Structures are given as C-alpha cells and as structure tokens.
Amino acid sequence: MYRLFNARGGWIAAIAAVFGVFVAINVAISGLAGMRLDLTEDRLFTLADGTRRILDRIEEPITLELYISQRLVKEVAIYGAYAGRVRDVLNEFSAAAGDRLTVIEQDPEPFSEIEDVAVAAGVQGVPIDSGGERVYFGLAARLGDTRASIGFFQPTRESFLEYDLARLLEGLINPKKKVIGIVTSLPMFGDFAPSAGPPKRWMLVDAMEQGFEVRNIFDIETDLTDEIDVLFMAHATALSAEELYSVDQYLMRGGRALLMVDPYSELAQGSLATGRPIIRDSSLNKLMAKWGVSVAEKQVVGDMPLARIVNAGSGGAVKPAPYLLWPSFKGANINPTDTVTRDITTINLGTAGAIAIAKDAALTVDPLLVTTEKSQTFEISLINPRTPNVLDFIEKFKVAGKQIVVAARLSGNVES
C-alpha cells in the first residue's frame, strides 16, 4: 500500500478538459492546502498547519521588510484597511517563528534612501497622482545572501495572503526551484513549423517558469524520475502499458500529479487542418481503475443552465442560443472551500468530460466543479467538427436529474 494523494498536504489530481492549473500546481508543490481567511468578529487569524510547518523549518534568521507609503494608506481607504490585514498576518508569522523571523516596517518617502533600497529589493512603486509621485506597498525578504520579494500587495489577493507569504518563505528556505514535468500531446511548448520561426510556447508554460523549473517529458519511462516534484499530464494520448506503469510507480514513490484528460479535445480536432494532427481523445482510465475513478470515454457534458450563449444557425436564420457543450461554471457549481477554486468566480469549459466515482472507490473524491442537475452527457459522435451544431443538442437534451463531476481532488491510500 502506498500514499497516493495527501489532502492535508494538498496533493492534487484534477481531472478536467480545461482547468486553471497554475494555482493547483503551486498548492501541490508547496503543501499549503487548507489556507483560510479567518473572518471572526475580532479578526483573529489562525495560521494553517502547512504554514506552521514552513515556519518550523526556519533555521537561520529571516528578515521581512514591509514597505508601506503612509500617503497610500491615508488617501486610499481600501489599501489602508488591507495594510492592517498584512500587518496582522506578518505579526502572526513572527509570533509563531519567534526570534527566527523579524518584521520591520518602513515608509519609503519620495527621493529617500529607503525608497532606493525598496526598489533595489524588488518592491514596486505605483503612481498615486498626475504628478507621478510613487507609493509603495510591498515586502522584501532576506535570508543570508538569498533575497525574495512581493512587489505590491493587491487587496484582490487577500484570501491568498497567507499562501503568498508562506510560499515566499518556502522559496527562501529552499531556493532551488521545484520541478514540474509535463506530459502532453498538445503544442504547449510550441508547434514546430520550419517556415514560421522558433516554436511559440503557451503563456501557461511561461507563467509556470517564473516560479518553477518546467520540463517537457518525452520519454516517460526514462525521464519520470524522483527529480520531478509534480507530474502534469495534459491530454497525454496513446500511452502504452509500460508508460502507465511508470506513472503508477512514480506515484507509488510519493510523486504528486495533476491529471487532465479530455474525451474530445477541440484543439486536437482543429489540428487536423494544419497537417500535424493530434489524437482527439485521451484517457487514463487504466491507471485510475484501482482508484475507483474514471472519465466517461467518447462522452462530453452538456448543461442547460450553465450553457454559454452563442450564435446558432446559418444564413439568415442565425439566432442566439445556449451551447450546452460550453458550460460556464459559477457560484454553487464551484467548490467554495478548496484552495484551488475558492477564489474563482467563473470557469468556462468546452466539451468537458464526466468523472464517474465508484461507490467503493479506494480514494476520497472531493468535487471541485459540478454541473447542475439539468445536465446530461452526449456522445462525441453527435458533434459537428466543422461548424458547432448548437441547436441539435438543445433538441436532443434530456435532463439527467443529477449533478455531474467535472473536476475533483483525490486523496487517500491505494494499492499499487
């Protein structure tokens, strides 16, 4: 028996056609799942266990320099309130770490030496008036010769404040970048075209490389080593039994995984016209069978209340209509407590797969995205690959009367 996913530590398996993965990968690597915003009457803040574990690992003194322009907090009320929030959380960090963590607050007034030091440390100034005067609200961290910073605190990330601070400290304590290994059949690293210049990578890969080392894994059996901190499988098609066994063994050794499978990849379907076709469907059901989880093959999810409105019909008969295969998840259909999804207000998917959960599943399954009860699955053979046949799905729609899971977190123990 081996531990496959650890919910407390935040190891994630999200199974979906399309999903916002950057936060998920951060959570999987850092072990910071369970971060929470304490909205008690007295605004007392209780640090998450993951944060306390990071603070406990501090061996050499760390200095945190908080740069706050007093003009900003006095003239812009939202920043004044958020400054108090940042101070409270930093004080909690300091109290938990003792004399190993020192917090210093300074006001970088214009043209002052403190302003020069703040800018050099990576703190960003923003104009507050037409005269161009800049104000600051950032953090610089020092551990010996290692430096890190948060350029500017944005109130929109308040619920991620503890996470951002803890990840900054984790980077100081362990400055070596964590490694993400990507297995994909999609042109995430660029689609080679000799006449079009160098391959252009997806923005997602560039964003991940800002905080991690990203490796494109071509040979799973050789390259999926213990150096990989998180395995990201995105529409990995036509995997052999030997490759699936290598993934299984990686997980058996304590590896972490973010899995995305797609019964009907619209991008792959579109690749047929380029002369470099991609297999349209992907499945990891052989790997997931012992977990008690599967993704319905050759079926996609349709939802009437969540459907996005598109132009349907042709010629002079074009009219707005809901495209059932393009749901927009909001509100009650997004898990409000999970670290990955709690601050996401809308997620748009297209031709997403349906996750089936066995009654005797070996793993605990926590849904992240679910449809409404006014949904059903459709055979992919009904999809017109050239022109979306929007009205056909409306005509064929029959309410299933139950919610369908589209993305989930898996945790627990399972046999190899």
Protein backbone atom coordinates (compact mmCIF):
# COMPACT_ATOMS: atom_id res chain seq x y z
CA MET A 1 0.00 0.00 0.00
CA TYR A 2 1.25 3.50 -0.68
CA ARG A 3 0.05 7.02 -0.12
CA LEU A 4 -1.05 8.38 -3.47
CA PHE A 5 -2.52 11.76 -2.60
CA ASN A 6 -2.44 13.65 0.66
CA ALA A 7 -5.39 16.02 1.07
CA ARG A 8 -3.88 17.75 4.08
CA GLY A 9 -0.66 18.40 2.21
CA GLY A 10 -2.53 19.47 -0.87
CA TRP A 11 -1.55 16.84 -3.42
CA ILE A 12 -3.96 17.18 -6.25
CA ALA A 13 -5.43 15.19 -9.06
CA ALA A 14 -7.79 17.42 -11.02
CA ILE A 15 -9.44 15.65 -13.91
CA ALA A 16 -10.98 18.00 -16.46
CA ALA A 17 -10.96 19.01 -20.09
CA VAL A 18 -9.77 22.53 -19.38
CA PHE A 19 -8.92 23.96 -15.96
CA GLY A 20 -6.97 26.76 -14.32
CA VAL A 21 -3.87 24.89 -13.21
CA PHE A 22 -1.32 27.44 -12.07
CA VAL A 23 -2.73 27.73 -8.55
CA ALA A 24 -3.24 24.00 -8.41
CA ILE A 25 0.42 23.35 -9.19
CA ASN A 26 1.53 25.88 -6.60
CA VAL A 27 -0.61 24.20 -3.98
CA ALA A 28 0.54 20.73 -4.94
CA ILE A 29 4.20 21.68 -4.64
CA SER A 30 4.12 23.88 -1.58
CA GLY A 31 1.84 21.79 0.60
CA LEU A 32 -0.21 24.83 1.52
CA ALA A 33 -3.68 23.42 1.01
CA GLY A 34 -6.07 24.43 3.75
CA MET A 35 -5.17 28.12 3.77
CA ARG A 36 -8.12 30.04 5.06
CA LEU A 37 -9.38 33.52 5.72
CA ASP A 38 -10.45 33.98 9.36
CA LEU A 39 -13.44 36.34 9.41
CA THR A 40 -14.08 36.13 13.13
CA GLU A 41 -15.53 39.17 14.87
CA ASP A 42 -12.16 40.09 16.36
CA ARG A 43 -10.35 39.37 13.06
CA LEU A 44 -8.08 36.91 14.83
CA PHE A 45 -6.04 34.86 12.40
CA THR A 46 -5.09 31.21 12.85
CA LEU A 47 -2.22 30.02 10.69
CA ALA A 48 -2.68 26.88 8.63
CA ASP A 49 -0.73 23.76 9.51
CA GLY A 50 1.20 24.00 6.24
CA THR A 51 2.38 27.49 7.14
CA ARG A 52 3.46 26.41 10.61
CA ARG A 53 5.47 23.56 9.15
CA ILE A 54 7.33 26.04 6.93
CA LEU A 55 7.97 28.36 9.88
CA ASP A 56 9.23 25.43 11.94
CA ARG A 57 11.84 24.68 9.27
CA ILE A 58 13.46 28.12 9.58
CA GLU A 59 16.97 27.54 10.92
CA GLU A 60 18.72 30.84 10.13
CA PRO A 61 17.23 34.28 10.90
CA ILE A 62 14.97 35.77 8.23
CA THR A 63 14.22 39.48 7.97
CA LEU A 64 11.00 40.74 6.37
CA GLU A 65 10.95 44.43 5.47
CA LEU A 66 7.46 45.77 4.89
CA TYR A 67 7.46 48.96 2.83
CA ILE A 68 4.23 50.96 3.14
CA SER A 69 3.80 54.54 1.95
CA GLN A 70 1.77 56.40 4.55
CA ARG A 71 0.25 58.58 1.85
CA LEU A 72 -1.24 55.47 0.22
CA VAL A 73 -2.87 54.11 3.39
CA LYS A 74 -4.21 57.55 4.37
CA GLU A 75 -5.64 58.56 1.00
CA VAL A 76 -6.88 55.21 -0.36
CA ALA A 77 -9.15 53.55 2.19
CA ILE A 78 -9.04 50.04 0.72
CA TYR A 79 -5.24 49.98 1.00
CA GLY A 80 -5.37 51.41 4.49
CA ALA A 81 -7.59 48.52 5.59
CA TYR A 82 -5.51 45.94 3.74
CA ALA A 83 -2.29 47.29 5.26
CA GLY A 84 -3.71 46.46 8.67
CA ARG A 85 -4.53 42.98 7.45
CA VAL A 86 -0.99 42.44 6.13
CA ARG A 87 0.48 43.64 9.43
CA ASP A 88 -1.73 41.24 11.37
CA VAL A 89 -0.67 38.23 9.33
CA LEU A 90 3.02 39.16 9.47
CA ASN A 91 2.73 39.52 13.24
CA GLU A 92 1.23 36.02 13.40
CA PHE A 93 4.15 34.72 11.35
CA SER A 94 6.63 36.45 13.65
CA ALA A 95 4.93 35.17 16.80
CA ALA A 96 4.94 31.61 15.50
CA ALA A 97 8.60 31.71 14.39
CA GLY A 98 9.96 33.61 17.39
CA ASP A 99 13.33 35.30 17.04
CA ARG A 100 14.00 33.44 13.78
CA LEU A 101 11.74 35.88 11.91
CA THR A 102 12.00 39.66 12.24
CA VAL A 103 9.48 42.07 10.69
CA ILE A 104 10.49 45.68 10.03
CA GLU A 105 8.14 48.33 8.64
CA GLN A 106 9.38 51.41 6.78
CA ASP A 107 7.87 54.33 4.87
CA PRO A 108 9.71 54.86 1.56
CA GLU A 109 9.19 58.60 1.10
CA PRO A 110 9.92 60.08 -2.33
CA PHE A 111 13.62 60.52 -3.19
CA SER A 112 14.68 58.97 0.12
CA GLU A 113 17.38 56.37 0.69
CA ILE A 114 14.68 54.00 1.94
CA GLU A 115 12.89 54.31 -1.40
CA ASP A 116 16.09 53.40 -3.24
CA VAL A 117 16.61 50.36 -1.01
CA ALA A 118 12.99 49.24 -1.51
CA VAL A 119 13.20 49.47 -5.30
CA ALA A 120 16.52 47.63 -5.35
CA ALA A 121 14.93 44.87 -3.27
CA GLY A 122 12.15 44.33 -5.81
CA VAL A 123 9.35 46.42 -4.28
CA GLN A 124 7.33 48.21 -6.96
CA GLY A 125 6.14 51.79 -6.88
CA VAL A 126 2.87 52.90 -8.49
CA PRO A 127 1.82 56.48 -9.36
CA ILE A 128 -0.73 57.98 -6.99
CA ASP A 129 -1.32 61.29 -8.77
CA SER A 130 -0.82 63.08 -12.05
CA GLY A 131 2.48 64.44 -10.77
CA GLY A 132 3.98 60.98 -10.94
CA GLU A 133 4.72 60.52 -7.23
CA ARG A 134 5.03 56.83 -6.50
CA VAL A 135 3.74 54.95 -3.47
CA TYR A 136 4.79 51.55 -2.20
CA PHE A 137 3.15 48.58 -0.52
CA GLY A 138 5.44 45.57 -0.80
CA LEU A 139 7.69 43.21 1.07
CA ALA A 140 11.39 42.35 0.82
CA ALA A 141 12.75 39.21 2.48
CA ARG A 142 16.33 38.31 3.36
CA LEU A 143 17.91 35.02 4.46
CA GLY A 144 21.67 35.40 4.35
CA ASP A 145 22.51 36.23 0.73
CA THR A 146 19.17 34.96 -0.56
CA ARG A 147 16.55 37.56 -1.47
CA ALA A 148 12.86 37.42 -2.36
CA SER A 149 10.07 39.96 -2.62
CA ILE A 150 6.39 40.66 -3.12
CA GLY A 151 6.39 43.68 -5.39
CA PHE A 152 3.00 45.10 -4.43
CA PHE A 153 0.21 43.77 -2.21
CA GLN A 154 -3.12 43.78 -4.02
CA PRO A 155 -6.34 43.62 -1.95
CA THR A 156 -7.83 41.32 -4.59
CA ARG A 157 -5.46 38.61 -3.34
CA GLU A 158 -6.42 38.97 0.31
CA SER A 159 -7.64 35.40 0.64
CA PHE A 160 -4.27 34.24 -0.75
CA LEU A 161 -2.23 36.45 1.58
CA GLU A 162 -1.07 33.68 3.91
CA TYR A 163 -0.35 31.46 0.94
CA ASP A 164 1.73 34.14 -0.82
CA LEU A 165 3.75 34.88 2.31
CA ALA A 166 4.30 31.23 3.13
CA ARG A 167 5.40 30.49 -0.42
CA LEU A 168 7.86 33.38 -0.28
CA LEU A 169 9.38 31.91 2.89
CA GLU A 170 9.45 28.44 1.34
CA GLY A 171 11.43 29.90 -1.55
CA LEU A 172 13.95 31.40 0.86
CA ILE A 173 14.36 28.21 2.84
CA ASN A 174 14.54 26.04 -0.29
CA PRO A 175 15.83 28.38 -3.03
CA LYS A 176 16.15 25.61 -5.60
CA LYS A 177 13.14 25.74 -7.91
CA LYS A 178 10.69 22.87 -7.74
CA VAL A 179 10.38 20.83 -10.92
CA ILE A 180 7.19 20.36 -12.94
CA GLY A 181 7.26 17.59 -15.51
CA ILE A 182 4.74 17.96 -18.32
CA VAL A 183 3.49 15.05 -20.41
CA THR A 184 1.25 16.27 -23.20
CA SER A 185 0.23 15.71 -26.79
CA LEU A 186 -0.70 19.37 -27.14
CA PRO A 187 1.70 22.00 -28.54
CA MET A 188 2.25 23.59 -25.13
CA PHE A 189 5.95 24.07 -25.87
CA GLY A 190 5.32 25.34 -29.38
CA ASP A 191 4.19 23.78 -32.63
CA PHE A 192 7.18 23.28 -34.92
CA ALA A 193 6.80 24.92 -38.31
CA PRO A 194 10.08 25.41 -40.25
CA SER A 195 8.85 28.47 -42.12
CA ALA A 196 7.31 30.21 -39.10
CA GLY A 197 10.42 30.72 -36.97
CA PRO A 198 11.02 29.35 -33.46
CA PRO A 199 8.12 27.46 -31.83
CA LYS A 200 5.87 29.69 -29.72
CA ARG A 201 5.08 28.27 -26.32
CA TRP A 202 1.83 28.63 -24.46
CA MET A 203 1.61 31.51 -21.98
CA LEU A 204 0.86 28.93 -19.27
CA VAL A 205 4.32 27.42 -19.65
CA ASP A 206 5.94 30.87 -19.49
CA ALA A 207 3.93 31.68 -16.34
CA MET A 208 4.95 28.44 -14.66
CA GLU A 209 8.62 29.07 -15.44
CA GLN A 210 8.51 32.26 -13.40
CA GLY A 211 8.41 30.14 -10.25
CA PHE A 212 9.38 26.62 -11.28
CA GLU A 213 11.67 24.60 -13.47
CA VAL A 214 9.49 23.15 -16.23
CA ARG A 215 10.48 20.03 -18.13
CA ASN A 216 8.83 18.64 -21.24
CA ILE A 217 8.81 14.88 -20.67
CA PHE A 218 9.07 12.97 -23.95
CA ASP A 219 10.13 9.57 -22.61
CA ILE A 220 8.05 8.76 -19.52
CA GLU A 221 9.92 5.56 -18.72
CA THR A 222 13.28 7.34 -18.67
CA ASP A 223 12.51 10.94 -17.68
CA LEU A 224 9.85 10.49 -14.97
CA THR A 225 12.33 10.37 -12.10
CA ASP A 226 12.18 11.45 -8.47
CA GLU A 227 13.55 14.83 -9.57
CA ILE A 228 10.02 15.66 -10.74
CA ASP A 229 8.09 17.32 -7.90
CA VAL A 230 4.75 17.42 -9.74
CA LEU A 231 3.73 15.47 -12.82
CA PHE A 232 1.34 17.45 -15.02
CA MET A 233 -0.38 15.26 -17.61
CA ALA A 234 -2.36 17.38 -20.05
CA HIS A 235 -4.18 15.42 -22.77
CA ALA A 236 -1.49 12.73 -22.83
CA THR A 237 -2.65 10.37 -25.59
CA ALA A 238 -1.88 6.81 -26.70
CA LEU A 239 0.12 5.85 -23.61
CA SER A 240 1.49 2.32 -23.54
CA ALA A 241 1.07 -0.09 -20.65
CA GLU A 242 4.74 0.43 -19.81
CA GLU A 243 4.29 4.21 -19.67
CA LEU A 244 1.22 3.92 -17.44
CA TYR A 245 3.18 1.57 -15.17
CA SER A 246 5.96 4.18 -14.91
CA VAL A 247 3.39 6.79 -13.85
CA ASP A 248 1.95 4.34 -11.31
CA GLN A 249 5.40 3.68 -9.88
CA TYR A 250 6.17 7.40 -9.72
CA LEU A 251 3.02 7.90 -7.64
CA MET A 252 3.88 4.85 -5.56
CA ARG A 253 7.16 6.51 -4.59
CA GLY A 254 5.26 9.53 -3.30
CA GLY A 255 5.08 11.54 -6.52
CA ARG A 256 2.39 14.17 -7.00
CA ALA A 257 0.20 14.54 -10.04
CA LEU A 258 -2.18 16.90 -11.77
CA LEU A 259 -4.08 14.90 -14.36
CA MET A 260 -6.20 16.32 -17.16
CA VAL A 261 -7.93 14.06 -19.64
CA ASP A 262 -10.20 15.03 -22.48
CA PRO A 263 -12.69 12.81 -24.32
CA TYR A 264 -12.94 15.40 -27.10
CA SER A 265 -10.16 17.94 -27.49
CA GLU A 266 -11.35 20.84 -29.61
CA LEU A 267 -7.75 21.95 -30.09
CA ALA A 268 -6.79 18.48 -31.33
CA GLN A 269 -9.78 18.46 -33.65
CA GLY A 270 -8.66 21.79 -35.07
CA SER A 271 -5.14 20.45 -35.64
CA LEU A 272 -6.41 18.25 -38.48
CA ALA A 273 -6.40 21.28 -40.75
CA THR A 274 -2.73 22.03 -40.02
CA GLY A 275 -1.40 18.77 -41.40
CA ARG A 276 0.01 17.91 -37.95
CA PRO A 277 -2.95 16.10 -36.37
CA ILE A 278 -3.25 15.38 -32.64
CA ILE A 279 -5.20 12.41 -31.32
CA ARG A 280 -8.60 13.80 -30.36
CA ASP A 281 -9.27 11.90 -27.12
CA SER A 282 -7.18 10.98 -24.09
CA SER A 283 -7.87 8.54 -21.27
CA LEU A 284 -6.15 7.44 -18.08
CA ASN A 285 -8.87 5.02 -17.03
CA LYS A 286 -6.49 2.05 -16.98
CA LEU A 287 -4.35 3.93 -14.47
CA MET A 288 -7.29 5.17 -12.42
CA ALA A 289 -9.28 1.94 -12.34
CA LYS A 290 -7.93 0.86 -8.95
CA TRP A 291 -8.72 4.29 -7.53
CA GLY A 292 -12.42 3.85 -8.23
CA VAL A 293 -12.49 6.84 -10.57
CA SER A 294 -12.92 7.06 -14.34
CA VAL A 295 -13.74 9.58 -17.05
CA ALA A 296 -16.51 8.57 -19.44
CA GLU A 297 -14.94 7.80 -22.81
CA LYS A 298 -16.34 9.32 -26.00
CA GLN A 299 -18.83 11.38 -23.98
CA VAL A 300 -18.94 15.07 -23.11
CA VAL A 301 -21.00 17.05 -20.63
CA GLY A 302 -23.91 19.32 -21.58
CA ASP A 303 -25.67 21.66 -19.14
CA MET A 304 -28.65 23.87 -19.91
CA PRO A 305 -28.46 26.49 -17.09
CA LEU A 306 -24.67 26.82 -17.37
CA ALA A 307 -24.53 26.94 -21.17
CA ARG A 308 -22.94 29.99 -22.75
CA ILE A 309 -24.96 31.89 -25.35
CA VAL A 310 -23.57 31.74 -28.90
CA ASN A 311 -24.87 32.49 -32.38
CA ALA A 312 -26.56 29.40 -33.78
CA GLY A 313 -27.95 28.54 -37.19
CA SER A 314 -26.77 29.67 -40.59
CA GLY A 315 -27.51 32.17 -43.31
CA GLY A 316 -30.40 34.44 -42.42
CA ALA A 317 -31.57 32.13 -39.62
CA VAL A 318 -28.79 32.94 -37.13
CA LYS A 319 -30.05 33.46 -33.59
CA PRO A 320 -28.64 33.44 -30.04
CA ALA A 321 -28.88 30.04 -28.36
CA PRO A 322 -27.29 28.20 -25.43
CA TYR A 323 -24.44 25.91 -26.45
CA LEU A 324 -24.83 23.07 -23.98
CA LEU A 325 -21.30 21.77 -24.51
CA TRP A 326 -19.76 25.09 -23.45
CA PRO A 327 -20.73 25.49 -19.78
CA SER A 328 -19.73 28.45 -17.63
CA PHE A 329 -19.30 27.30 -14.02
CA LYS A 330 -20.19 29.84 -11.34
CA GLY A 331 -21.35 30.07 -7.74
CA ALA A 332 -22.65 26.80 -6.31
CA ASN A 333 -21.06 24.81 -9.13
CA ILE A 334 -17.53 25.72 -7.96
CA ASN A 335 -16.14 24.32 -4.70
CA PRO A 336 -16.03 27.38 -2.38
CA THR A 337 -13.65 25.94 0.22
CA ASP A 338 -10.87 24.25 -1.75
CA THR A 339 -7.67 26.29 -2.15
CA VAL A 340 -7.66 25.74 -5.91
CA THR A 341 -11.17 27.02 -6.60
CA ARG A 342 -12.41 29.11 -3.69
CA ASP A 343 -11.49 32.49 -5.19
CA ILE A 344 -12.51 31.69 -8.75
CA THR A 345 -15.81 33.25 -9.74
CA THR A 346 -16.14 31.81 -13.25
CA ILE A 347 -14.61 28.91 -15.18
CA ASN A 348 -15.54 28.40 -18.84
CA LEU A 349 -15.11 24.92 -20.27
CA GLY A 350 -15.70 23.38 -23.67
CA THR A 351 -16.62 19.74 -24.38
CA ALA A 352 -15.57 18.65 -20.89
CA GLY A 353 -15.52 15.07 -19.66
CA ALA A 354 -17.64 13.49 -16.93
CA ILE A 355 -15.98 11.92 -13.90
CA ALA A 356 -17.59 8.73 -12.60
CA ILE A 357 -16.98 7.74 -8.98
CA ALA A 358 -17.44 4.13 -7.87
CA LYS A 359 -19.41 3.51 -4.68
CA ASP A 360 -16.48 1.51 -3.31
CA ALA A 361 -13.82 3.98 -4.52
CA ALA A 362 -10.48 3.45 -2.81
CA LEU A 363 -9.85 7.19 -2.67
CA THR A 364 -11.75 10.11 -1.22
CA VAL A 365 -13.12 12.28 -4.00
CA ASP A 366 -13.79 15.98 -3.33
CA PRO A 367 -15.54 17.60 -6.31
CA LEU A 368 -14.14 20.93 -7.50
CA LEU A 369 -16.52 21.57 -10.40
CA VAL A 370 -20.01 20.10 -10.78
CA THR A 371 -22.83 20.67 -13.24
CA THR A 372 -26.40 21.48 -12.30
CA GLU A 373 -28.99 18.70 -12.17
CA LYS A 374 -30.25 19.94 -15.55
CA SER A 375 -27.40 18.29 -17.40
CA GLN A 376 -26.53 15.14 -19.30
CA THR A 377 -23.73 13.55 -21.29
CA PHE A 378 -23.67 13.40 -25.09
CA GLU A 379 -21.83 11.02 -27.41
CA ILE A 380 -18.99 12.85 -29.17
CA SER A 381 -20.21 11.38 -32.47
CA LEU A 382 -23.01 13.97 -32.34
CA ILE A 383 -20.53 16.86 -32.56
CA ASN A 384 -20.09 18.51 -35.97
CA PRO A 385 -16.33 19.10 -36.11
CA ARG A 386 -16.61 21.85 -38.72
CA THR A 387 -19.50 24.01 -37.50
CA PRO A 388 -20.91 23.70 -33.96
CA ASN A 389 -24.37 22.20 -34.29
CA VAL A 390 -25.70 24.11 -31.30
CA LEU A 391 -29.41 23.60 -31.93
CA ASP A 392 -29.07 19.82 -32.33
CA PHE A 393 -28.00 19.43 -28.71
CA ILE A 394 -30.92 21.52 -27.49
CA GLU A 395 -33.31 19.26 -29.39
CA LYS A 396 -31.71 16.08 -28.03
CA PHE A 397 -31.35 17.35 -24.46
CA LYS A 398 -32.85 15.22 -21.70
CA VAL A 399 -32.39 16.18 -18.05
CA ALA A 400 -30.38 13.54 -16.19
CA GLY A 401 -31.61 14.81 -12.83
CA LYS A 402 -28.21 14.61 -11.14
CA GLN A 403 -25.05 16.66 -10.95
CA ILE A 404 -22.01 15.52 -12.90
CA VAL A 405 -18.48 15.95 -11.53
CA VAL A 406 -16.10 17.61 -13.99
CA ALA A 407 -13.05 18.23 -11.79
CA ALA A 408 -12.07 16.71 -8.45
CA ARG A 409 -9.37 16.36 -5.81
CA LEU A 410 -8.43 12.79 -4.91
CA SER A 411 -6.86 11.75 -1.62
CA GLY A 412 -6.17 8.62 0.37
CA ASN A 413 -4.32 5.30 0.11
CA VAL A 414 -4.48 2.79 -2.71
CA GLU A 415 -2.82 -0.48 -3.68
CA SER A 416 -0.19 -0.44 -6.43
